[in-house]
């Protein structure tokens, strides 16, 4: 009996993996077929980079010998990844609204495969955006001193950050009443977390009531980790705090999103 159960569970796992790979291919193909997504991945990070470096570089002091462009890059990368991950919420909400999920529901496929497709495709999209941003940064004076190990850690942290925010975004896409509602919901969460952090200015320059929040919230630790790996600022405890926070978010958001998605299908 136990062998039969193990065989059935093994087949279910294989089918879930195969279904997920098909959905990943579907969602990833949309990135290149929908030019608006591709243009957003390319031009949005460049626009933020040019805007911040041109407008604020002369007004903000970093408190070190680094230029503001060097200081800025870590914050812009994290902001780009955070906002880019919200594409999962829009994609999930769109699938639900258009009735595509009902078609998939009629097939013998894994429920979580659809979510896996959107989340993993966000990893690809964010890698493109981060690469474009770093290349553009080089063009306007960004000069990192990261070695090969630092870049490997940065890549791993980028994947983990995208997975964490994408699974959280998936929850928002499921519970939102409309595609339009997803946009403001994700904005309300991501905007204050990225701007009330060390992404663009040092927290000690902020007003007292905001400084405590900015110094201790997860995005600040993530930005500080990127900055330390890129330009060699003090790392402190930021790396392990970032990793633990992001893994914790994945472990909570992923099962919640899967349960909500399954329940959403049933209710339809």
C-alpha atoms as a PDB file:
ATOM      1  CA  UNK A   1       0.000   0.000   0.000  1.00  0.00           C
ATOM      2  CA  UNK A   2       2.805   2.395   0.899  1.00  0.00           C
ATOM      3  CA  UNK A   3       4.597   1.616  -2.384  1.00  0.00           C
ATOM      4  CA  UNK A   4       1.439   2.344  -4.357  1.00  0.00           C
ATOM      5  CA  UNK A   5       0.941   5.618  -2.480  1.00  0.00           C
ATOM      6  CA  UNK A   6       4.564   6.614  -3.129  1.00  0.00           C
ATOM      7  CA  UNK A   7       4.133   5.805  -6.831  1.00  0.00           C
ATOM      8  CA  UNK A   8       0.993   7.952  -7.089  1.00  0.00           C
ATOM      9  CA  UNK A   9       2.617  10.854  -5.230  1.00  0.00           C
ATOM     10  CA  UNK A  10       5.719  10.569  -7.426  1.00  0.00           C
ATOM     11  CA  UNK A  11       3.598  10.784 -10.564  1.00  0.00           C
ATOM     12  CA  UNK A  12       1.742  13.799  -9.203  1.00  0.00           C
ATOM     13  CA  UNK A  13       5.033  15.548  -8.541  1.00  0.00           C
ATOM     14  CA  UNK A  14       6.310  14.782 -12.046  1.00  0.00           C
ATOM     15  CA  UNK A  15       3.078  16.074 -13.574  1.00  0.00           C
ATOM     16  CA  UNK A  16       3.232  19.205 -11.439  1.00  0.00           C
ATOM     17  CA  UNK A  17       6.791  19.878 -12.632  1.00  0.00           C
ATOM     18  CA  UNK A  18       5.855  19.292 -16.279  1.00  0.00           C
ATOM     19  CA  UNK A  19       2.764  21.494 -15.967  1.00  0.00           C
ATOM     20  CA  UNK A  20       4.867  24.221 -14.335  1.00  0.00           C
ATOM     21  CA  UNK A  21       7.432  24.083 -17.140  1.00  0.00           C
ATOM     22  CA  UNK A  22       4.671  24.523 -19.720  1.00  0.00           C
ATOM     23  CA  UNK A  23       3.233  27.490 -17.829  1.00  0.00           C
ATOM     24  CA  UNK A  24       6.712  29.009 -17.415  1.00  0.00           C
ATOM     25  CA  UNK A  25       7.183  28.769 -21.174  1.00  0.00           C
ATOM     26  CA  UNK A  26       3.782  30.376 -21.728  1.00  0.00           C
ATOM     27  CA  UNK A  27       4.405  33.299 -19.379  1.00  0.00           C
ATOM     28  CA  UNK A  28       7.988  33.835 -20.548  1.00  0.00           C
ATOM     29  CA  UNK A  29       6.870  33.925 -24.186  1.00  0.00           C
ATOM     30  CA  UNK A  30       4.475  36.756 -23.310  1.00  0.00           C
ATOM     31  CA  UNK A  31       7.435  38.908 -22.254  1.00  0.00           C
ATOM     32  CA  UNK A  32       8.790  38.964 -25.796  1.00  0.00           C
ATOM     33  CA  UNK A  33       5.471  38.883 -27.641  1.00  0.00           C
ATOM     34  CA  UNK A  34       4.037  41.788 -25.668  1.00  0.00           C
ATOM     35  CA  UNK A  35       6.309  44.687 -26.574  1.00  0.00           C
ATOM     36  CA  UNK A  36       4.960  46.843 -23.741  1.00  0.00           C
ATOM     37  CA  UNK A  37       6.374  44.397 -21.188  1.00  0.00           C
ATOM     38  CA  UNK A  38       9.726  44.293 -22.954  1.00  0.00           C
ATOM     39  CA  UNK A  39       9.889  48.075 -23.298  1.00  0.00           C
ATOM     40  CA  UNK A  40       9.051  48.448 -19.621  1.00  0.00           C
ATOM     41  CA  UNK A  41      11.836  46.050 -18.682  1.00  0.00           C
ATOM     42  CA  UNK A  42      14.301  48.116 -20.711  1.00  0.00           C
ATOM     43  CA  UNK A  43      13.287  51.742 -20.341  1.00  0.00           C
ATOM     44  CA  UNK A  44      11.728  52.119 -16.892  1.00  0.00           C
ATOM     45  CA  UNK A  45      14.957  51.395 -14.956  1.00  0.00           C
ATOM     46  CA  UNK A  46      16.943  53.652 -17.307  1.00  0.00           C
ATOM     47  CA  UNK A  47      14.468  56.510 -16.808  1.00  0.00           C
ATOM     48  CA  UNK A  48      14.731  56.226 -13.014  1.00  0.00           C
ATOM     49  CA  UNK A  49      18.512  56.088 -13.229  1.00  0.00           C
ATOM     50  CA  UNK A  50      18.824  59.186 -15.401  1.00  0.00           C
ATOM     51  CA  UNK A  51      16.217  61.067 -13.370  1.00  0.00           C
ATOM     52  CA  UNK A  52      17.722  60.422  -9.952  1.00  0.00           C
ATOM     53  CA  UNK A  53      21.352  60.795 -10.993  1.00  0.00           C
ATOM     54  CA  UNK A  54      20.674  64.038 -12.879  1.00  0.00           C
ATOM     55  CA  UNK A  55      18.261  65.670 -10.423  1.00  0.00           C
ATOM     56  CA  UNK A  56      19.595  64.634  -7.022  1.00  0.00           C
ATOM     57  CA  UNK A  57      23.309  63.969  -7.541  1.00  0.00           C
ATOM     58  CA  UNK A  58      24.275  67.547  -6.707  1.00  0.00           C
ATOM     59  CA  UNK A  59      21.954  67.884  -3.725  1.00  0.00           C
ATOM     60  CA  UNK A  60      22.512  64.639  -1.824  1.00  0.00           C
ATOM     61  CA  UNK A  61      25.686  63.765   0.051  1.00  0.00           C
ATOM     62  CA  UNK A  62      26.380  60.091   0.576  1.00  0.00           C
ATOM     63  CA  UNK A  63      28.639  60.574   3.578  1.00  0.00           C
ATOM     64  CA  UNK A  64      31.514  58.710   1.897  1.00  0.00           C
ATOM     65  CA  UNK A  65      33.952  59.089  -0.963  1.00  0.00           C
ATOM     66  CA  UNK A  66      31.577  57.295  -3.348  1.00  0.00           C
ATOM     67  CA  UNK A  67      29.687  59.260  -5.957  1.00  0.00           C
ATOM     68  CA  UNK A  68      25.915  59.469  -5.666  1.00  0.00           C
ATOM     69  CA  UNK A  69      25.612  57.264  -8.769  1.00  0.00           C
ATOM     70  CA  UNK A  70      27.522  54.491  -6.995  1.00  0.00           C
ATOM     71  CA  UNK A  71      25.386  54.987  -3.876  1.00  0.00           C
ATOM     72  CA  UNK A  72      22.181  55.094  -5.926  1.00  0.00           C
ATOM     73  CA  UNK A  73      22.592  51.921  -7.979  1.00  0.00           C
ATOM     74  CA  UNK A  74      21.812  49.458  -5.180  1.00  0.00           C
ATOM     75  CA  UNK A  75      18.579  51.261  -4.330  1.00  0.00           C
ATOM     76  CA  UNK A  76      17.513  51.487  -7.964  1.00  0.00           C
ATOM     77  CA  UNK A  77      18.181  47.790  -8.547  1.00  0.00           C
ATOM     78  CA  UNK A  78      16.076  46.802  -5.528  1.00  0.00           C
ATOM     79  CA  UNK A  79      13.304  49.217  -6.510  1.00  0.00           C
ATOM     80  CA  UNK A  80      13.297  47.874 -10.075  1.00  0.00           C
ATOM     81  CA  UNK A  81      13.090  44.283  -8.836  1.00  0.00           C
ATOM     82  CA  UNK A  82      10.310  45.099  -6.360  1.00  0.00           C
ATOM     83  CA  UNK A  83       8.155  46.961  -8.868  1.00  0.00           C
ATOM     84  CA  UNK A  84       8.959  44.445 -11.615  1.00  0.00           C
ATOM     85  CA  UNK A  85       7.758  41.565  -9.461  1.00  0.00           C
ATOM     86  CA  UNK A  86       4.298  43.107  -9.262  1.00  0.00           C
ATOM     87  CA  UNK A  87       3.786  41.989 -12.862  1.00  0.00           C
ATOM     88  CA  UNK A  88       2.787  38.652 -11.336  1.00  0.00           C
ATOM     89  CA  UNK A  89      -0.196  40.303  -9.667  1.00  0.00           C
ATOM     90  CA  UNK A  90      -1.352  41.844 -12.936  1.00  0.00           C
ATOM     91  CA  UNK A  91      -0.878  38.595 -14.860  1.00  0.00           C
ATOM     92  CA  UNK A  92      -2.763  36.504 -12.287  1.00  0.00           C
ATOM     93  CA  UNK A  93      -5.609  39.002 -12.074  1.00  0.00           C
ATOM     94  CA  UNK A  94      -5.799  39.168 -15.864  1.00  0.00           C
ATOM     95  CA  UNK A  95      -5.981  35.380 -16.212  1.00  0.00           C
ATOM     96  CA  UNK A  96      -8.754  35.223 -13.639  1.00  0.00           C
ATOM     97  CA  UNK A  97     -10.715  38.046 -15.228  1.00  0.00           C
ATOM     98  CA  UNK A  98     -10.439  36.699 -18.787  1.00  0.00           C
ATOM     99  CA  UNK A  99     -11.577  33.210 -17.796  1.00  0.00           C
ATOM    100  CA  UNK A 100      -8.354  31.517 -18.889  1.00  0.00           C
ATOM    101  CA  UNK A 101      -8.105  29.879 -15.467  1.00  0.00           C
ATOM    102  CA  UNK A 102     -11.455  28.169 -16.059  1.00  0.00           C
ATOM    103  CA  UNK A 103     -10.053  26.596 -19.223  1.00  0.00           C
ATOM    104  CA  UNK A 104      -7.010  25.345 -17.381  1.00  0.00           C
ATOM    105  CA  UNK A 105      -9.254  24.075 -14.590  1.00  0.00           C
ATOM    106  CA  UNK A 106     -10.982  21.757 -17.031  1.00  0.00           C
ATOM    107  CA  UNK A 107      -7.629  20.084 -17.754  1.00  0.00           C
ATOM    108  CA  UNK A 108      -5.909  17.509 -15.525  1.00  0.00           C
ATOM    109  CA  UNK A 109      -3.161  19.899 -14.481  1.00  0.00           C
ATOM    110  CA  UNK A 110      -1.620  21.156 -11.242  1.00  0.00           C
ATOM    111  CA  UNK A 111      -3.302  24.189  -9.696  1.00  0.00           C
ATOM    112  CA  UNK A 112      -0.027  25.827  -8.679  1.00  0.00           C
ATOM    113  CA  UNK A 113       1.497  25.453 -12.158  1.00  0.00           C
ATOM    114  CA  UNK A 114      -0.154  28.665 -13.378  1.00  0.00           C
ATOM    115  CA  UNK A 115       1.282  30.637 -10.463  1.00  0.00           C
ATOM    116  CA  UNK A 116       4.687  29.024 -10.952  1.00  0.00           C
ATOM    117  CA  UNK A 117       4.645  30.149 -14.576  1.00  0.00           C
ATOM    118  CA  UNK A 118       4.019  33.793 -13.715  1.00  0.00           C
ATOM    119  CA  UNK A 119       6.481  33.873 -10.816  1.00  0.00           C
ATOM    120  CA  UNK A 120       9.388  32.255 -12.673  1.00  0.00           C
ATOM    121  CA  UNK A 121       8.822  34.420 -15.761  1.00  0.00           C
ATOM    122  CA  UNK A 122       9.117  37.415 -13.439  1.00  0.00           C
ATOM    123  CA  UNK A 123      12.586  36.169 -12.498  1.00  0.00           C
ATOM    124  CA  UNK A 124      13.554  36.263 -16.195  1.00  0.00           C
ATOM    125  CA  UNK A 125      12.033  39.718 -16.649  1.00  0.00           C
ATOM    126  CA  UNK A 126      13.753  41.099 -13.570  1.00  0.00           C
ATOM    127  CA  UNK A 127      17.108  39.687 -14.648  1.00  0.00           C
ATOM    128  CA  UNK A 128      16.719  41.547 -17.939  1.00  0.00           C
ATOM    129  CA  UNK A 129      15.777  44.779 -16.148  1.00  0.00           C
ATOM    130  CA  UNK A 130      18.642  44.518 -13.650  1.00  0.00           C
ATOM    131  CA  UNK A 131      21.158  43.815 -16.423  1.00  0.00           C
ATOM    132  CA  UNK A 132      19.946  46.769 -18.484  1.00  0.00           C
ATOM    133  CA  UNK A 133      20.097  49.012 -15.427  1.00  0.00           C
ATOM    134  CA  UNK A 134      23.654  47.999 -14.553  1.00  0.00           C
ATOM    135  CA  UNK A 135      24.849  48.467 -18.143  1.00  0.00           C
ATOM    136  CA  UNK A 136      23.216  51.906 -18.257  1.00  0.00           C
ATOM    137  CA  UNK A 137      24.832  52.695 -14.918  1.00  0.00           C
ATOM    138  CA  UNK A 138      28.266  51.926 -16.353  1.00  0.00           C
ATOM    139  CA  UNK A 139      27.516  54.383 -19.142  1.00  0.00           C
ATOM    140  CA  UNK A 140      26.919  57.277 -16.734  1.00  0.00           C
ATOM    141  CA  UNK A 141      29.710  56.573 -14.253  1.00  0.00           C
ATOM    142  CA  UNK A 142      28.778  53.596 -12.079  1.00  0.00           C
ATOM    143  CA  UNK A 143      31.964  51.875 -10.983  1.00  0.00           C
ATOM    144  CA  UNK A 144      31.448  48.797  -8.752  1.00  0.00           C
ATOM    145  CA  UNK A 145      34.332  46.946  -7.136  1.00  0.00           C
ATOM    146  CA  UNK A 146      32.514  43.619  -6.731  1.00  0.00           C
ATOM    147  CA  UNK A 147      34.462  40.427  -7.390  1.00  0.00           C
ATOM    148  CA  UNK A 148      33.151  37.187  -8.927  1.00  0.00           C
ATOM    149  CA  UNK A 149      31.831  35.863  -5.609  1.00  0.00           C
ATOM    150  CA  UNK A 150      30.029  39.140  -4.903  1.00  0.00           C
ATOM    151  CA  UNK A 151      28.302  38.980  -8.299  1.00  0.00           C
ATOM    152  CA  UNK A 152      27.220  35.387  -7.681  1.00  0.00           C
ATOM    153  CA  UNK A 153      25.725  36.375  -4.325  1.00  0.00           C
ATOM    154  CA  UNK A 154      23.981  39.319  -6.002  1.00  0.00           C
ATOM    155  CA  UNK A 155      22.461  37.034  -8.635  1.00  0.00           C
ATOM    156  CA  UNK A 156      21.223  34.638  -5.965  1.00  0.00           C
ATOM    157  CA  UNK A 157      19.800  37.505  -3.909  1.00  0.00           C
ATOM    158  CA  UNK A 158      18.099  38.910  -7.014  1.00  0.00           C
ATOM    159  CA  UNK A 159      16.370  35.591  -7.683  1.00  0.00           C
ATOM    160  CA  UNK A 160      15.313  35.272  -4.045  1.00  0.00           C
ATOM    161  CA  UNK A 161      14.028  38.859  -3.904  1.00  0.00           C
ATOM    162  CA  UNK A 162      11.996  38.359  -7.073  1.00  0.00           C
ATOM    163  CA  UNK A 163      10.502  35.091  -5.825  1.00  0.00           C
ATOM    164  CA  UNK A 164       9.532  36.660  -2.492  1.00  0.00           C
ATOM    165  CA  UNK A 165       7.860  39.724  -3.979  1.00  0.00           C
ATOM    166  CA  UNK A 166       6.279  37.783  -6.844  1.00  0.00           C
ATOM    167  CA  UNK A 167       4.575  35.294  -4.506  1.00  0.00           C
ATOM    168  CA  UNK A 168       3.337  38.200  -2.392  1.00  0.00           C
ATOM    169  CA  UNK A 169       2.124  39.887  -5.574  1.00  0.00           C
ATOM    170  CA  UNK A 170       0.345  36.682  -6.591  1.00  0.00           C
ATOM    171  CA  UNK A 171      -1.750  36.936  -3.426  1.00  0.00           C
ATOM    172  CA  UNK A 172      -2.728  40.497  -4.353  1.00  0.00           C
ATOM    173  CA  UNK A 173      -3.615  39.407  -7.879  1.00  0.00           C
ATOM    174  CA  UNK A 174      -5.930  36.721  -6.536  1.00  0.00           C
ATOM    175  CA  UNK A 175      -7.756  38.806  -3.946  1.00  0.00           C
ATOM    176  CA  UNK A 176      -8.097  41.941  -6.117  1.00  0.00           C
ATOM    177  CA  UNK A 177     -11.541  42.572  -7.549  1.00  0.00           C
ATOM    178  CA  UNK A 178     -10.171  43.923 -10.831  1.00  0.00           C
ATOM    179  CA  UNK A 179      -6.979  44.304 -12.823  1.00  0.00           C
ATOM    180  CA  UNK A 180      -7.098  48.035 -12.187  1.00  0.00           C
ATOM    181  CA  UNK A 181      -7.324  47.449  -8.444  1.00  0.00           C
ATOM    182  CA  UNK A 182      -4.122  45.417  -8.524  1.00  0.00           C
ATOM    183  CA  UNK A 183      -2.143  48.438  -9.685  1.00  0.00           C
ATOM    184  CA  UNK A 184      -2.906  50.630  -6.695  1.00  0.00           C
ATOM    185  CA  UNK A 185      -2.657  47.736  -4.232  1.00  0.00           C
ATOM    186  CA  UNK A 186       0.870  46.870  -5.334  1.00  0.00           C
ATOM    187  CA  UNK A 187       1.826  50.542  -5.480  1.00  0.00           C
ATOM    188  CA  UNK A 188       0.627  51.158  -1.919  1.00  0.00           C
ATOM    189  CA  UNK A 189       2.857  48.330  -0.651  1.00  0.00           C
ATOM    190  CA  UNK A 190       5.998  48.729  -2.764  1.00  0.00           C
ATOM    191  CA  UNK A 191       6.237  52.527  -2.981  1.00  0.00           C
ATOM    192  CA  UNK A 192       6.551  53.338   0.754  1.00  0.00           C
ATOM    193  CA  UNK A 193       8.819  50.357   1.415  1.00  0.00           C
ATOM    194  CA  UNK A 194      11.312  51.401  -1.260  1.00  0.00           C
ATOM    195  CA  UNK A 195      11.280  55.148  -0.689  1.00  0.00           C
ATOM    196  CA  UNK A 196      11.212  54.967   3.130  1.00  0.00           C
ATOM    197  CA  UNK A 197      14.466  53.024   3.126  1.00  0.00           C
ATOM    198  CA  UNK A 198      18.162  53.527   2.458  1.00  0.00           C
ATOM    199  CA  UNK A 199      17.563  53.183  -1.294  1.00  0.00           C
ATOM    200  CA  UNK A 200      18.015  56.862  -2.186  1.00  0.00           C
ATOM    201  CA  UNK A 201      19.205  58.616   0.979  1.00  0.00           C
ATOM    202  CA  UNK A 202      20.731  57.521   4.265  1.00  0.00           C
ATOM    203  CA  UNK A 203      18.059  56.922   6.951  1.00  0.00           C
ATOM    204  CA  UNK A 204      19.886  59.154   9.453  1.00  0.00           C
ATOM    205  CA  UNK A 205      18.993  62.164   7.283  1.00  0.00           C
ATOM    206  CA  UNK A 206      15.253  61.462   7.595  1.00  0.00           C
ATOM    207  CA  UNK A 207      12.847  62.953  10.097  1.00  0.00           C
ATOM    208  CA  UNK A 208      12.965  61.230  13.492  1.00  0.00           C
ATOM    209  CA  UNK A 209       9.619  59.384  13.309  1.00  0.00           C
ATOM    210  CA  UNK A 210      10.480  57.915   9.907  1.00  0.00           C
ATOM    211  CA  UNK A 211      14.120  57.145  10.635  1.00  0.00           C
ATOM    212  CA  UNK A 212      13.358  54.288  13.041  1.00  0.00           C
ATOM    213  CA  UNK A 213      11.160  52.566  10.491  1.00  0.00           C
ATOM    214  CA  UNK A 214      13.601  53.125   7.619  1.00  0.00           C
ATOM    215  CA  UNK A 215      16.569  51.774   9.558  1.00  0.00           C
ATOM    216  CA  UNK A 216      14.851  48.539  10.582  1.00  0.00           C
ATOM    217  CA  UNK A 217      12.608  47.534   7.703  1.00  0.00           C
ATOM    218  CA  UNK A 218      13.672  44.663   5.395  1.00  0.00           C
ATOM    219  CA  UNK A 219      14.136  46.736   2.223  1.00  0.00           C
ATOM    220  CA  UNK A 220      16.845  48.796   3.925  1.00  0.00           C
ATOM    221  CA  UNK A 221      18.762  45.644   4.830  1.00  0.00           C
ATOM    222  CA  UNK A 222      18.379  44.348   1.271  1.00  0.00           C
ATOM    223  CA  UNK A 223      19.582  47.636  -0.230  1.00  0.00           C
ATOM    224  CA  UNK A 224      22.497  47.771   2.212  1.00  0.00           C
ATOM    225  CA  UNK A 225      23.458  44.234   1.186  1.00  0.00           C
ATOM    226  CA  UNK A 226      23.439  45.133  -2.506  1.00  0.00           C
ATOM    227  CA  UNK A 227      25.422  48.290  -1.777  1.00  0.00           C
ATOM    228  CA  UNK A 228      28.006  46.444   0.296  1.00  0.00           C
ATOM    229  CA  UNK A 229      28.504  43.812  -2.389  1.00  0.00           C
ATOM    230  CA  UNK A 230      28.652  46.354  -5.220  1.00  0.00           C
ATOM    231  CA  UNK A 231      30.804  49.142  -3.777  1.00  0.00           C
ATOM    232  CA  UNK A 232      32.205  47.726  -0.541  1.00  0.00           C
ATOM    233  CA  UNK A 233      30.260  49.634   2.118  1.00  0.00           C
ATOM    234  CA  UNK A 234      30.016  47.941   5.566  1.00  0.00           C
ATOM    235  CA  UNK A 235      27.840  44.832   5.374  1.00  0.00           C
ATOM    236  CA  UNK A 236      27.126  44.196   9.037  1.00  0.00           C
ATOM    237  CA  UNK A 237      24.149  41.890   9.628  1.00  0.00           C
ATOM    238  CA  UNK A 238      22.314  42.976   6.484  1.00  0.00           C
ATOM    239  CA  UNK A 239      23.022  39.875   4.402  1.00  0.00           C
ATOM    240  CA  UNK A 240      21.648  37.267   6.794  1.00  0.00           C
ATOM    241  CA  UNK A 241      18.714  39.510   7.771  1.00  0.00           C
ATOM    242  CA  UNK A 242      17.862  39.940   4.086  1.00  0.00           C
ATOM    243  CA  UNK A 243      18.112  36.232   3.308  1.00  0.00           C
ATOM    244  CA  UNK A 244      16.062  35.181   6.341  1.00  0.00           C
ATOM    245  CA  UNK A 245      13.401  37.828   5.636  1.00  0.00           C
ATOM    246  CA  UNK A 246      13.043  36.867   1.982  1.00  0.00           C
ATOM    247  CA  UNK A 247      12.993  33.116   2.625  1.00  0.00           C
ATOM    248  CA  UNK A 248      10.388  33.678   5.340  1.00  0.00           C
ATOM    249  CA  UNK A 249       8.263  35.703   2.917  1.00  0.00           C
ATOM    250  CA  UNK A 250       8.461  32.933   0.307  1.00  0.00           C
ATOM    251  CA  UNK A 251       7.572  30.227   2.842  1.00  0.00           C
ATOM    252  CA  UNK A 252       4.505  32.201   3.943  1.00  0.00           C
ATOM    253  CA  UNK A 253       3.343  33.684   0.642  1.00  0.00           C
ATOM    254  CA  UNK A 254       3.696  30.601  -1.544  1.00  0.00           C
ATOM    255  CA  UNK A 255       1.280  28.283   0.317  1.00  0.00           C
ATOM    256  CA  UNK A 256      -1.130  31.150   0.992  1.00  0.00           C
ATOM    257  CA  UNK A 257      -1.176  32.079  -2.707  1.00  0.00           C
ATOM    258  CA  UNK A 258      -1.666  28.428  -3.702  1.00  0.00           C
ATOM    259  CA  UNK A 259      -4.551  27.991  -1.246  1.00  0.00           C
ATOM    260  CA  UNK A 260      -6.245  31.228  -2.301  1.00  0.00           C
ATOM    261  CA  UNK A 261      -5.834  30.369  -5.968  1.00  0.00           C
ATOM    262  CA  UNK A 262      -7.362  26.930  -5.522  1.00  0.00           C
ATOM    263  CA  UNK A 263     -10.237  28.418  -3.529  1.00  0.00           C
ATOM    264  CA  UNK A 264     -10.728  31.138  -6.151  1.00  0.00           C
ATOM    265  CA  UNK A 265     -11.070  28.507  -8.847  1.00  0.00           C
ATOM    266  CA  UNK A 266     -13.628  26.605  -6.802  1.00  0.00           C
ATOM    267  CA  UNK A 267     -15.663  29.756  -6.186  1.00  0.00           C
ATOM    268  CA  UNK A 268     -15.811  30.497  -9.898  1.00  0.00           C
END
